[in-house]
Amino acid sequence: MSTQRVNPPELSPPTGFSHAVVATGTRVVFLAGQTALDTDGKVVGDTLPEQFERALTNLLTALTAAGGTPSDLARVTVYTTDVAAYRTHAPELGRVWRRLAGRDYPAMAVVEVVRLWDDQALVELDGFAVLP
């Protein structure tokens, strides 16, 4: 697979995401929304950063099981129950992302929602990847 991150100078410089990703490959992997569920189906972590780390770990676990790597991610959507809290914790969330997924950022969006499937969940991530 080849990916090209596109960040036009006419747009605001991206921080922690790419404005566009051109991906060429032969397989597309659609990743279901992942929250901070453990293997027993219980939400773990009391804070947004804790839950973000677990949700991202779960997303990357599914991607790895499908044969992909973090650099194969073309698009990720983050759903949060509190965008203001997400913005407050953005530097820490960015460090978590870089530690787990590296610096090949996919195209991303953050969307505030009223609630997620599990009442205790503060964040959910879904996306898709393009594999060779």
N, C-alpha and C. Protein backbone atom coordinates (compact mmCIF):
# COMPACT_ATOMS: atom_id res chain seq x y z
N MET A 1 0.84 -1.17 0.00
CA MET A 1 0.00 0.00 0.00
C MET A 1 0.89 1.23 0.00
N SER A 2 0.40 2.26 -0.62
CA SER A 2 1.09 3.54 -0.50
C SER A 2 0.08 4.57 0.00
N THR A 3 0.56 5.44 0.85
CA THR A 3 -0.28 6.52 1.33
C THR A 3 0.47 7.83 1.14
N GLN A 4 -0.29 8.82 0.82
CA GLN A 4 0.26 10.16 0.69
C GLN A 4 -0.58 11.08 1.56
N ARG A 5 0.06 11.71 2.52
CA ARG A 5 -0.63 12.68 3.36
C ARG A 5 -0.62 14.01 2.62
N VAL A 6 -1.78 14.65 2.51
CA VAL A 6 -1.90 15.89 1.77
C VAL A 6 -2.35 16.98 2.74
N ASN A 7 -1.51 17.98 2.90
CA ASN A 7 -1.80 19.10 3.80
C ASN A 7 -1.50 20.40 3.07
N PRO A 8 -2.48 20.90 2.30
CA PRO A 8 -2.27 22.09 1.48
C PRO A 8 -1.90 23.31 2.31
N PRO A 9 -0.99 24.13 1.82
CA PRO A 9 -0.60 25.33 2.56
C PRO A 9 -1.73 26.35 2.68
N GLU A 10 -2.77 26.20 1.87
CA GLU A 10 -3.92 27.12 1.94
C GLU A 10 -4.81 26.83 3.15
N LEU A 11 -4.61 25.69 3.81
CA LEU A 11 -5.39 25.32 4.99
C LEU A 11 -4.57 25.52 6.25
N SER A 12 -5.24 25.65 7.36
CA SER A 12 -4.57 25.77 8.65
C SER A 12 -3.66 24.56 8.86
N PRO A 13 -2.46 24.76 9.39
CA PRO A 13 -1.56 23.62 9.60
C PRO A 13 -2.22 22.58 10.52
N PRO A 14 -2.22 21.31 10.10
CA PRO A 14 -2.86 20.28 10.93
C PRO A 14 -2.00 19.93 12.14
N THR A 15 -2.67 19.66 13.24
CA THR A 15 -2.00 19.21 14.45
C THR A 15 -2.62 17.90 14.86
N GLY A 16 -1.89 16.81 14.69
CA GLY A 16 -2.39 15.50 15.09
C GLY A 16 -3.34 14.87 14.10
N PHE A 17 -3.39 15.34 12.88
CA PHE A 17 -4.22 14.75 11.83
C PHE A 17 -3.68 15.20 10.49
N SER A 18 -4.15 14.61 9.42
CA SER A 18 -3.86 15.06 8.06
C SER A 18 -5.15 15.54 7.43
N HIS A 19 -5.06 16.59 6.61
CA HIS A 19 -6.26 17.09 5.94
C HIS A 19 -6.82 16.07 4.96
N ALA A 20 -5.95 15.35 4.28
CA ALA A 20 -6.38 14.33 3.33
C ALA A 20 -5.33 13.23 3.29
N VAL A 21 -5.79 12.03 2.99
CA VAL A 21 -4.89 10.89 2.81
C VAL A 21 -5.29 10.21 1.52
N VAL A 22 -4.34 10.11 0.60
CA VAL A 22 -4.56 9.37 -0.64
C VAL A 22 -3.96 7.99 -0.41
N ALA A 23 -4.79 6.96 -0.47
CA ALA A 23 -4.34 5.60 -0.20
C ALA A 23 -4.58 4.72 -1.41
N THR A 24 -3.55 3.98 -1.76
CA THR A 24 -3.65 3.04 -2.86
C THR A 24 -3.30 1.66 -2.32
N GLY A 25 -4.18 0.71 -2.51
CA GLY A 25 -3.95 -0.64 -2.04
C GLY A 25 -5.00 -1.57 -2.61
N THR A 26 -5.01 -2.78 -2.09
CA THR A 26 -5.94 -3.76 -2.64
C THR A 26 -7.02 -4.20 -1.66
N ARG A 27 -6.87 -3.85 -0.38
CA ARG A 27 -7.86 -4.25 0.61
C ARG A 27 -8.22 -3.06 1.48
N VAL A 28 -9.51 -2.91 1.75
CA VAL A 28 -9.97 -1.88 2.67
C VAL A 28 -10.51 -2.58 3.91
N VAL A 29 -10.06 -2.13 5.06
CA VAL A 29 -10.52 -2.69 6.34
C VAL A 29 -11.36 -1.62 7.03
N PHE A 30 -12.61 -1.93 7.28
CA PHE A 30 -13.50 -1.03 8.01
C PHE A 30 -13.47 -1.43 9.47
N LEU A 31 -13.12 -0.49 10.32
CA LEU A 31 -12.94 -0.76 11.74
C LEU A 31 -14.15 -0.26 12.53
N ALA A 32 -14.78 -1.16 13.24
CA ALA A 32 -15.95 -0.82 14.05
C ALA A 32 -15.54 0.11 15.18
N GLY A 33 -16.52 0.86 15.66
CA GLY A 33 -16.28 1.75 16.78
C GLY A 33 -15.76 0.99 17.99
N GLN A 34 -14.72 1.53 18.59
CA GLN A 34 -14.11 0.91 19.77
C GLN A 34 -14.14 1.91 20.92
N THR A 35 -14.61 1.44 22.06
CA THR A 35 -14.57 2.23 23.28
C THR A 35 -13.54 1.59 24.20
N ALA A 36 -13.55 1.96 25.46
CA ALA A 36 -12.57 1.48 26.43
C ALA A 36 -13.00 0.16 27.07
N LEU A 37 -13.57 -0.74 26.28
CA LEU A 37 -14.00 -2.02 26.84
C LEU A 37 -12.81 -2.95 27.04
N ASP A 38 -12.83 -3.66 28.18
CA ASP A 38 -11.83 -4.70 28.40
C ASP A 38 -12.37 -6.01 27.83
N THR A 39 -11.63 -7.10 28.02
CA THR A 39 -12.04 -8.38 27.43
C THR A 39 -13.31 -8.94 28.06
N ASP A 40 -13.71 -8.40 29.22
CA ASP A 40 -14.96 -8.83 29.85
C ASP A 40 -16.14 -7.95 29.44
N GLY A 41 -15.89 -6.98 28.54
CA GLY A 41 -16.96 -6.10 28.09
C GLY A 41 -17.29 -4.98 29.06
N LYS A 42 -16.37 -4.66 29.94
CA LYS A 42 -16.56 -3.58 30.91
C LYS A 42 -15.72 -2.38 30.50
N VAL A 43 -16.29 -1.17 30.62
CA VAL A 43 -15.55 0.06 30.35
C VAL A 43 -14.52 0.24 31.46
N VAL A 44 -13.27 0.47 31.04
CA VAL A 44 -12.19 0.69 32.02
C VAL A 44 -11.65 2.11 31.85
N GLY A 45 -11.23 2.68 32.94
CA GLY A 45 -10.69 4.03 32.94
C GLY A 45 -11.75 5.04 33.33
N ASP A 46 -11.37 5.93 34.22
CA ASP A 46 -12.31 6.94 34.70
C ASP A 46 -12.15 8.27 33.97
N THR A 47 -10.99 8.47 33.34
CA THR A 47 -10.72 9.75 32.69
C THR A 47 -10.74 9.60 31.18
N LEU A 48 -10.91 10.71 30.50
CA LEU A 48 -10.89 10.70 29.05
C LEU A 48 -9.56 10.16 28.50
N PRO A 49 -8.39 10.62 29.01
CA PRO A 49 -7.14 10.05 28.49
C PRO A 49 -7.02 8.54 28.71
N GLU A 50 -7.46 8.05 29.86
CA GLU A 50 -7.40 6.60 30.09
C GLU A 50 -8.29 5.86 29.10
N GLN A 51 -9.49 6.35 28.91
CA GLN A 51 -10.42 5.69 27.99
C GLN A 51 -9.94 5.83 26.55
N PHE A 52 -9.38 6.98 26.18
CA PHE A 52 -8.86 7.16 24.83
C PHE A 52 -7.77 6.14 24.55
N GLU A 53 -6.87 5.96 25.50
CA GLU A 53 -5.78 5.01 25.30
C GLU A 53 -6.31 3.60 25.09
N ARG A 54 -7.28 3.19 25.88
CA ARG A 54 -7.84 1.84 25.74
C ARG A 54 -8.61 1.72 24.42
N ALA A 55 -9.39 2.73 24.07
CA ALA A 55 -10.16 2.68 22.81
C ALA A 55 -9.22 2.62 21.62
N LEU A 56 -8.14 3.41 21.63
CA LEU A 56 -7.17 3.36 20.54
C LEU A 56 -6.47 2.02 20.50
N THR A 57 -6.12 1.49 21.65
CA THR A 57 -5.50 0.16 21.71
C THR A 57 -6.45 -0.88 21.11
N ASN A 58 -7.73 -0.80 21.44
CA ASN A 58 -8.70 -1.75 20.89
C ASN A 58 -8.81 -1.60 19.36
N LEU A 59 -8.83 -0.36 18.88
CA LEU A 59 -8.91 -0.13 17.43
C LEU A 59 -7.67 -0.71 16.73
N LEU A 60 -6.50 -0.48 17.31
CA LEU A 60 -5.27 -0.98 16.71
C LEU A 60 -5.17 -2.50 16.81
N THR A 61 -5.73 -3.08 17.85
CA THR A 61 -5.77 -4.54 17.98
C THR A 61 -6.60 -5.14 16.85
N ALA A 62 -7.76 -4.55 16.58
CA ALA A 62 -8.59 -5.04 15.48
C ALA A 62 -7.87 -4.87 14.15
N LEU A 63 -7.20 -3.73 13.96
CA LEU A 63 -6.46 -3.48 12.73
C LEU A 63 -5.34 -4.49 12.55
N THR A 64 -4.59 -4.75 13.60
CA THR A 64 -3.50 -5.72 13.53
C THR A 64 -4.02 -7.11 13.20
N ALA A 65 -5.14 -7.49 13.82
CA ALA A 65 -5.73 -8.80 13.56
C ALA A 65 -6.17 -8.93 12.10
N ALA A 66 -6.49 -7.80 11.46
CA ALA A 66 -6.88 -7.81 10.05
C ALA A 66 -5.68 -7.73 9.12
N GLY A 67 -4.48 -7.65 9.69
CA GLY A 67 -3.27 -7.63 8.89
C GLY A 67 -2.70 -6.25 8.63
N GLY A 68 -3.19 -5.24 9.34
CA GLY A 68 -2.73 -3.88 9.10
C GLY A 68 -1.84 -3.34 10.20
N THR A 69 -1.33 -2.15 9.96
CA THR A 69 -0.50 -1.43 10.91
C THR A 69 -1.07 -0.02 11.06
N PRO A 70 -0.67 0.71 12.09
CA PRO A 70 -1.19 2.07 12.26
C PRO A 70 -0.96 2.96 11.04
N SER A 71 0.13 2.77 10.32
CA SER A 71 0.38 3.62 9.15
C SER A 71 -0.59 3.33 8.01
N ASP A 72 -1.34 2.23 8.08
CA ASP A 72 -2.34 1.91 7.07
C ASP A 72 -3.66 2.65 7.29
N LEU A 73 -3.82 3.28 8.46
CA LEU A 73 -5.06 4.00 8.74
C LEU A 73 -5.21 5.17 7.77
N ALA A 74 -6.35 5.22 7.11
CA ALA A 74 -6.63 6.32 6.20
C ALA A 74 -7.59 7.33 6.82
N ARG A 75 -8.48 6.86 7.69
CA ARG A 75 -9.51 7.72 8.27
C ARG A 75 -9.86 7.22 9.67
N VAL A 76 -9.96 8.13 10.62
CA VAL A 76 -10.43 7.81 11.98
C VAL A 76 -11.39 8.91 12.40
N THR A 77 -12.52 8.50 12.98
CA THR A 77 -13.45 9.44 13.57
C THR A 77 -13.46 9.19 15.07
N VAL A 78 -13.35 10.27 15.83
CA VAL A 78 -13.39 10.22 17.29
C VAL A 78 -14.73 10.80 17.72
N TYR A 79 -15.47 10.02 18.46
CA TYR A 79 -16.74 10.48 19.04
C TYR A 79 -16.50 10.68 20.53
N THR A 80 -16.86 11.84 21.04
CA THR A 80 -16.67 12.11 22.46
C THR A 80 -17.93 12.73 23.04
N THR A 81 -18.15 12.49 24.31
CA THR A 81 -19.31 13.07 24.97
C THR A 81 -19.03 14.49 25.47
N ASP A 82 -17.77 14.95 25.30
CA ASP A 82 -17.42 16.29 25.77
C ASP A 82 -16.24 16.83 24.97
N VAL A 83 -16.53 17.61 23.91
CA VAL A 83 -15.47 18.16 23.07
C VAL A 83 -14.57 19.11 23.88
N ALA A 84 -15.14 19.87 24.80
CA ALA A 84 -14.32 20.79 25.61
C ALA A 84 -13.27 20.01 26.40
N ALA A 85 -13.65 18.89 26.98
CA ALA A 85 -12.69 18.06 27.71
C ALA A 85 -11.67 17.47 26.76
N TYR A 86 -12.11 17.08 25.56
CA TYR A 86 -11.19 16.54 24.56
C TYR A 86 -10.14 17.59 24.20
N ARG A 87 -10.57 18.82 23.99
CA ARG A 87 -9.63 19.90 23.66
C ARG A 87 -8.68 20.15 24.83
N THR A 88 -9.19 20.13 26.05
CA THR A 88 -8.34 20.33 27.23
C THR A 88 -7.25 19.27 27.31
N HIS A 89 -7.61 18.04 27.01
CA HIS A 89 -6.67 16.92 27.11
C HIS A 89 -5.92 16.64 25.80
N ALA A 90 -6.11 17.48 24.78
CA ALA A 90 -5.52 17.22 23.47
C ALA A 90 -4.02 16.96 23.50
N PRO A 91 -3.22 17.72 24.24
CA PRO A 91 -1.78 17.41 24.25
C PRO A 91 -1.48 15.99 24.77
N GLU A 92 -2.17 15.59 25.83
CA GLU A 92 -1.98 14.26 26.37
C GLU A 92 -2.49 13.19 25.41
N LEU A 93 -3.63 13.43 24.78
CA LEU A 93 -4.18 12.48 23.82
C LEU A 93 -3.23 12.34 22.62
N GLY A 94 -2.63 13.44 22.21
CA GLY A 94 -1.66 13.40 21.13
C GLY A 94 -0.45 12.55 21.49
N ARG A 95 0.02 12.66 22.73
CA ARG A 95 1.15 11.82 23.16
C ARG A 95 0.76 10.34 23.16
N VAL A 96 -0.46 10.04 23.59
CA VAL A 96 -0.94 8.65 23.55
C VAL A 96 -0.96 8.17 22.10
N TRP A 97 -1.52 8.98 21.20
CA TRP A 97 -1.59 8.59 19.79
C TRP A 97 -0.20 8.30 19.24
N ARG A 98 0.75 9.22 19.47
CA ARG A 98 2.10 9.04 18.92
C ARG A 98 2.78 7.80 19.49
N ARG A 99 2.57 7.53 20.78
CA ARG A 99 3.17 6.35 21.40
C ARG A 99 2.61 5.06 20.81
N LEU A 100 1.31 5.02 20.56
CA LEU A 100 0.66 3.79 20.09
C LEU A 100 0.60 3.67 18.57
N ALA A 101 0.42 4.79 17.88
CA ALA A 101 0.16 4.74 16.44
C ALA A 101 1.21 5.45 15.59
N GLY A 102 2.10 6.19 16.21
CA GLY A 102 3.14 6.87 15.44
C GLY A 102 2.70 8.23 14.94
N ARG A 103 3.42 8.72 13.92
CA ARG A 103 3.19 10.07 13.41
C ARG A 103 2.60 10.08 12.00
N ASP A 104 2.23 8.93 11.47
CA ASP A 104 1.56 8.88 10.17
C ASP A 104 0.07 9.08 10.42
N TYR A 105 -0.33 10.35 10.54
CA TYR A 105 -1.70 10.65 10.94
C TYR A 105 -2.69 10.41 9.80
N PRO A 106 -3.82 9.78 10.12
CA PRO A 106 -4.89 9.65 9.13
C PRO A 106 -5.69 10.95 9.05
N ALA A 107 -6.59 11.01 8.08
CA ALA A 107 -7.59 12.07 8.08
C ALA A 107 -8.48 11.80 9.29
N MET A 108 -8.82 12.83 10.05
CA MET A 108 -9.56 12.62 11.30
C MET A 108 -10.63 13.68 11.49
N ALA A 109 -11.61 13.32 12.30
CA ALA A 109 -12.62 14.27 12.76
C ALA A 109 -12.95 13.92 14.21
N VAL A 110 -13.31 14.93 14.98
CA VAL A 110 -13.79 14.74 16.35
C VAL A 110 -15.22 15.25 16.39
N VAL A 111 -16.13 14.41 16.86
CA VAL A 111 -17.55 14.73 16.88
C VAL A 111 -18.08 14.57 18.30
N GLU A 112 -18.80 15.58 18.79
CA GLU A 112 -19.43 15.45 20.10
C GLU A 112 -20.78 14.77 19.94
N VAL A 113 -21.04 13.81 20.83
CA VAL A 113 -22.30 13.07 20.82
C VAL A 113 -22.93 13.18 22.20
N VAL A 114 -24.22 12.96 22.25
CA VAL A 114 -24.94 13.04 23.53
C VAL A 114 -24.51 11.93 24.46
N ARG A 115 -24.37 10.72 23.91
CA ARG A 115 -23.90 9.58 24.71
C ARG A 115 -23.45 8.50 23.76
N LEU A 116 -22.74 7.54 24.32
CA LEU A 116 -22.28 6.38 23.56
C LEU A 116 -23.05 5.16 24.05
N TRP A 117 -22.83 4.02 23.39
CA TRP A 117 -23.58 2.81 23.71
C TRP A 117 -23.53 2.47 25.19
N ASP A 118 -22.32 2.47 25.76
CA ASP A 118 -22.16 2.23 27.19
C ASP A 118 -22.18 3.57 27.91
N ASP A 119 -23.04 3.68 28.91
CA ASP A 119 -23.19 4.95 29.63
C ASP A 119 -21.87 5.51 30.15
N GLN A 120 -20.95 4.63 30.56
CA GLN A 120 -19.68 5.07 31.16
C GLN A 120 -18.66 5.51 30.11
N ALA A 121 -18.90 5.19 28.85
CA ALA A 121 -17.93 5.50 27.80
C ALA A 121 -17.89 7.00 27.53
N LEU A 122 -16.67 7.54 27.46
CA LEU A 122 -16.46 8.96 27.19
C LEU A 122 -15.99 9.21 25.76
N VAL A 123 -15.48 8.15 25.11
CA VAL A 123 -14.90 8.31 23.78
C VAL A 123 -15.01 7.00 23.00
N GLU A 124 -15.15 7.13 21.69
CA GLU A 124 -15.21 5.98 20.79
C GLU A 124 -14.46 6.35 19.51
N LEU A 125 -13.72 5.40 18.96
CA LEU A 125 -12.99 5.62 17.72
C LEU A 125 -13.40 4.57 16.69
N ASP A 126 -13.61 5.01 15.47
CA ASP A 126 -13.79 4.07 14.36
C ASP A 126 -12.99 4.58 13.17
N GLY A 127 -12.91 3.78 12.13
CA GLY A 127 -12.16 4.24 10.98
C GLY A 127 -12.04 3.19 9.92
N PHE A 128 -11.15 3.47 8.96
CA PHE A 128 -10.82 2.46 7.96
C PHE A 128 -9.37 2.59 7.56
N ALA A 129 -8.84 1.48 7.08
CA ALA A 129 -7.46 1.39 6.66
C ALA A 129 -7.42 0.78 5.26
N VAL A 130 -6.36 1.09 4.53
CA VAL A 130 -6.15 0.51 3.20
C VAL A 130 -4.85 -0.29 3.28
N LEU A 131 -4.97 -1.59 2.98
CA LEU A 131 -3.83 -2.51 3.06
C LEU A 131 -3.39 -2.91 1.67
N PRO A 132 -2.12 -3.35 1.56
CA PRO A 132 -1.63 -3.80 0.25
C PRO A 132 -2.41 -4.98 -0.30
